[in-house]
């Protein structure tokens, strides 16, 4: 079973409690913080996936372990 690591980043919108997702609803993970920063829009920020709310961390774990 894979675990989340703090060197994988997500683009997160705190106001809407929503990480950036693809068209299938999967949370997008970035292995490079600078790449994630270059994709920011509006009030989004880049954070390690381990700093997401627990429900989103569980969603990512389900994605990578299935």
N, C-alpha and C. Protein backbone atom coordinates (compact mmCIF):
# COMPACT_ATOMS: atom_id res chain seq x y z
N UNK A 1 0.83 -1.17 0.00
CA UNK A 1 0.00 0.00 0.00
C UNK A 1 0.88 1.24 0.00
N UNK A 2 0.63 2.13 -0.95
CA UNK A 2 1.40 3.36 -1.06
C UNK A 2 0.91 4.39 -0.07
N UNK A 3 1.80 5.31 0.31
CA UNK A 3 1.48 6.38 1.25
C UNK A 3 1.75 7.72 0.60
N UNK A 4 1.16 8.76 1.15
CA UNK A 4 1.41 10.11 0.67
C UNK A 4 2.76 10.60 1.20
N UNK A 5 3.45 11.37 0.36
CA UNK A 5 4.73 11.94 0.79
C UNK A 5 4.67 13.46 0.57
N UNK A 6 5.42 14.17 1.38
CA UNK A 6 5.34 15.63 1.33
C UNK A 6 6.10 16.26 0.18
N UNK A 7 6.65 15.46 -0.71
CA UNK A 7 7.30 16.00 -1.90
C UNK A 7 6.41 15.91 -3.13
N UNK A 8 5.16 15.46 -2.94
CA UNK A 8 4.15 15.50 -4.00
C UNK A 8 3.24 16.67 -3.68
N UNK A 9 3.03 17.52 -4.67
CA UNK A 9 2.30 18.77 -4.46
C UNK A 9 0.96 18.75 -5.19
N UNK A 10 0.05 19.57 -4.67
CA UNK A 10 -1.25 19.77 -5.30
C UNK A 10 -1.51 21.27 -5.40
N UNK A 11 -2.34 21.62 -6.37
CA UNK A 11 -2.85 22.98 -6.46
C UNK A 11 -4.17 22.97 -5.72
N UNK A 12 -4.31 23.86 -4.75
CA UNK A 12 -5.47 23.83 -3.87
C UNK A 12 -6.13 25.20 -3.77
N UNK A 13 -7.44 25.20 -3.83
CA UNK A 13 -8.25 26.41 -3.67
C UNK A 13 -8.90 26.34 -2.29
N UNK A 14 -8.34 27.05 -1.31
CA UNK A 14 -8.86 27.02 0.06
C UNK A 14 -10.30 27.52 0.13
N UNK A 15 -10.62 28.56 -0.62
CA UNK A 15 -11.96 29.15 -0.56
C UNK A 15 -13.05 28.14 -0.91
N UNK A 16 -12.75 27.26 -1.84
CA UNK A 16 -13.74 26.26 -2.28
C UNK A 16 -13.44 24.86 -1.78
N UNK A 17 -12.38 24.70 -0.95
CA UNK A 17 -11.96 23.39 -0.46
C UNK A 17 -11.87 22.38 -1.61
N UNK A 18 -11.08 22.76 -2.61
CA UNK A 18 -11.04 21.94 -3.81
C UNK A 18 -9.64 21.91 -4.41
N UNK A 19 -9.03 20.73 -4.49
CA UNK A 19 -7.77 20.62 -5.21
C UNK A 19 -8.04 20.52 -6.72
N UNK A 20 -7.04 20.83 -7.50
CA UNK A 20 -7.16 20.71 -8.96
C UNK A 20 -7.34 19.25 -9.33
N UNK A 21 -8.33 18.98 -10.19
CA UNK A 21 -8.65 17.62 -10.59
C UNK A 21 -8.71 17.52 -12.11
N UNK A 22 -8.52 16.31 -12.62
CA UNK A 22 -8.67 16.10 -14.06
C UNK A 22 -10.15 15.90 -14.40
N UNK A 23 -10.44 15.66 -15.66
CA UNK A 23 -11.83 15.54 -16.09
C UNK A 23 -12.52 14.29 -15.54
N UNK A 24 -11.77 13.38 -14.94
CA UNK A 24 -12.35 12.18 -14.34
C UNK A 24 -12.52 12.33 -12.82
N UNK A 25 -12.18 13.49 -12.28
CA UNK A 25 -12.32 13.75 -10.84
C UNK A 25 -11.14 13.30 -10.01
N UNK A 26 -10.04 12.93 -10.65
CA UNK A 26 -8.84 12.52 -9.91
C UNK A 26 -8.01 13.75 -9.56
N UNK A 27 -7.54 13.81 -8.33
CA UNK A 27 -6.71 14.92 -7.89
C UNK A 27 -5.36 14.82 -8.60
N UNK A 28 -4.92 15.96 -9.15
CA UNK A 28 -3.64 15.99 -9.86
C UNK A 28 -2.50 16.18 -8.89
N UNK A 29 -1.50 15.32 -9.00
CA UNK A 29 -0.30 15.42 -8.17
C UNK A 29 0.86 15.91 -9.03
N UNK A 30 1.67 16.77 -8.44
CA UNK A 30 2.85 17.30 -9.11
C UNK A 30 4.07 16.87 -8.32
N UNK A 31 5.05 16.32 -8.98
CA UNK A 31 6.30 15.92 -8.34
C UNK A 31 7.28 17.06 -8.24
N UNK A 32 6.95 18.18 -8.88
CA UNK A 32 7.83 19.33 -8.92
C UNK A 32 7.03 20.58 -8.53
N UNK A 33 7.42 21.23 -7.47
CA UNK A 33 6.68 22.39 -6.96
C UNK A 33 6.65 23.53 -7.99
N UNK A 34 7.74 23.75 -8.69
CA UNK A 34 7.79 24.84 -9.67
C UNK A 34 6.82 24.60 -10.82
N UNK A 35 6.67 23.34 -11.22
CA UNK A 35 5.71 23.02 -12.28
C UNK A 35 4.28 23.32 -11.83
N UNK A 36 3.98 22.98 -10.59
CA UNK A 36 2.65 23.26 -10.05
C UNK A 36 2.42 24.77 -9.97
N UNK A 37 3.42 25.51 -9.54
CA UNK A 37 3.29 26.97 -9.44
C UNK A 37 3.01 27.58 -10.81
N UNK A 38 3.60 27.05 -11.84
CA UNK A 38 3.39 27.60 -13.18
C UNK A 38 1.97 27.36 -13.68
N UNK A 39 1.21 26.47 -13.05
CA UNK A 39 -0.17 26.17 -13.45
C UNK A 39 -1.22 26.85 -12.58
N UNK A 40 -0.81 27.74 -11.68
CA UNK A 40 -1.76 28.39 -10.77
C UNK A 40 -2.67 29.37 -11.48
N UNK A 41 -3.90 29.46 -10.97
CA UNK A 41 -4.88 30.46 -11.41
C UNK A 41 -5.52 31.08 -10.17
N UNK A 42 -5.94 32.32 -10.29
CA UNK A 42 -6.74 32.97 -9.25
C UNK A 42 -6.17 32.86 -7.86
N UNK A 43 -7.01 32.37 -6.94
CA UNK A 43 -6.61 32.31 -5.53
C UNK A 43 -6.10 30.93 -5.11
N UNK A 44 -5.61 30.16 -6.05
CA UNK A 44 -5.07 28.84 -5.73
C UNK A 44 -3.66 28.97 -5.17
N UNK A 45 -3.26 27.95 -4.40
CA UNK A 45 -1.90 27.88 -3.87
C UNK A 45 -1.37 26.47 -4.11
N UNK A 46 -0.07 26.32 -3.99
CA UNK A 46 0.57 25.01 -4.09
C UNK A 46 0.95 24.57 -2.68
N UNK A 47 0.51 23.36 -2.30
CA UNK A 47 0.86 22.81 -1.00
C UNK A 47 1.23 21.34 -1.16
N UNK A 48 2.02 20.80 -0.22
CA UNK A 48 2.26 19.36 -0.23
C UNK A 48 0.93 18.62 -0.04
N UNK A 49 0.76 17.49 -0.69
CA UNK A 49 -0.50 16.74 -0.58
C UNK A 49 -0.77 16.31 0.86
N UNK A 50 0.28 16.23 1.68
CA UNK A 50 0.11 15.84 3.08
C UNK A 50 -0.51 16.95 3.93
N UNK A 51 -0.67 18.15 3.36
CA UNK A 51 -1.28 19.26 4.08
C UNK A 51 -2.74 19.47 3.68
N UNK A 52 -3.25 18.65 2.79
CA UNK A 52 -4.66 18.73 2.41
C UNK A 52 -5.54 18.28 3.57
N UNK A 53 -6.82 18.71 3.58
CA UNK A 53 -7.74 18.15 4.56
C UNK A 53 -7.80 16.62 4.43
N UNK A 54 -8.09 15.96 5.52
CA UNK A 54 -8.04 14.50 5.57
C UNK A 54 -8.90 13.83 4.49
N UNK A 55 -10.08 14.39 4.20
CA UNK A 55 -10.92 13.75 3.19
C UNK A 55 -10.26 13.74 1.82
N UNK A 56 -9.51 14.79 1.48
CA UNK A 56 -8.81 14.82 0.19
C UNK A 56 -7.58 13.90 0.21
N UNK A 57 -6.90 13.81 1.35
CA UNK A 57 -5.78 12.87 1.45
C UNK A 57 -6.29 11.44 1.24
N UNK A 58 -7.43 11.12 1.83
CA UNK A 58 -8.01 9.78 1.65
C UNK A 58 -8.39 9.54 0.19
N UNK A 59 -8.90 10.56 -0.47
CA UNK A 59 -9.25 10.44 -1.89
C UNK A 59 -8.02 10.12 -2.73
N UNK A 60 -6.93 10.81 -2.46
CA UNK A 60 -5.68 10.55 -3.21
C UNK A 60 -5.17 9.15 -2.92
N UNK A 61 -5.21 8.73 -1.66
CA UNK A 61 -4.78 7.37 -1.31
C UNK A 61 -5.59 6.33 -2.05
N UNK A 62 -6.90 6.56 -2.17
CA UNK A 62 -7.74 5.63 -2.93
C UNK A 62 -7.32 5.60 -4.40
N UNK A 63 -6.98 6.76 -4.95
CA UNK A 63 -6.55 6.85 -6.34
C UNK A 63 -5.28 6.04 -6.58
N UNK A 64 -4.29 6.24 -5.72
CA UNK A 64 -2.97 5.62 -5.99
C UNK A 64 -2.89 4.16 -5.57
N UNK A 65 -3.81 3.74 -4.74
CA UNK A 65 -3.77 2.34 -4.28
C UNK A 65 -4.75 1.45 -5.03
N UNK A 66 -5.51 2.01 -5.97
CA UNK A 66 -6.44 1.19 -6.75
C UNK A 66 -6.08 1.19 -8.20
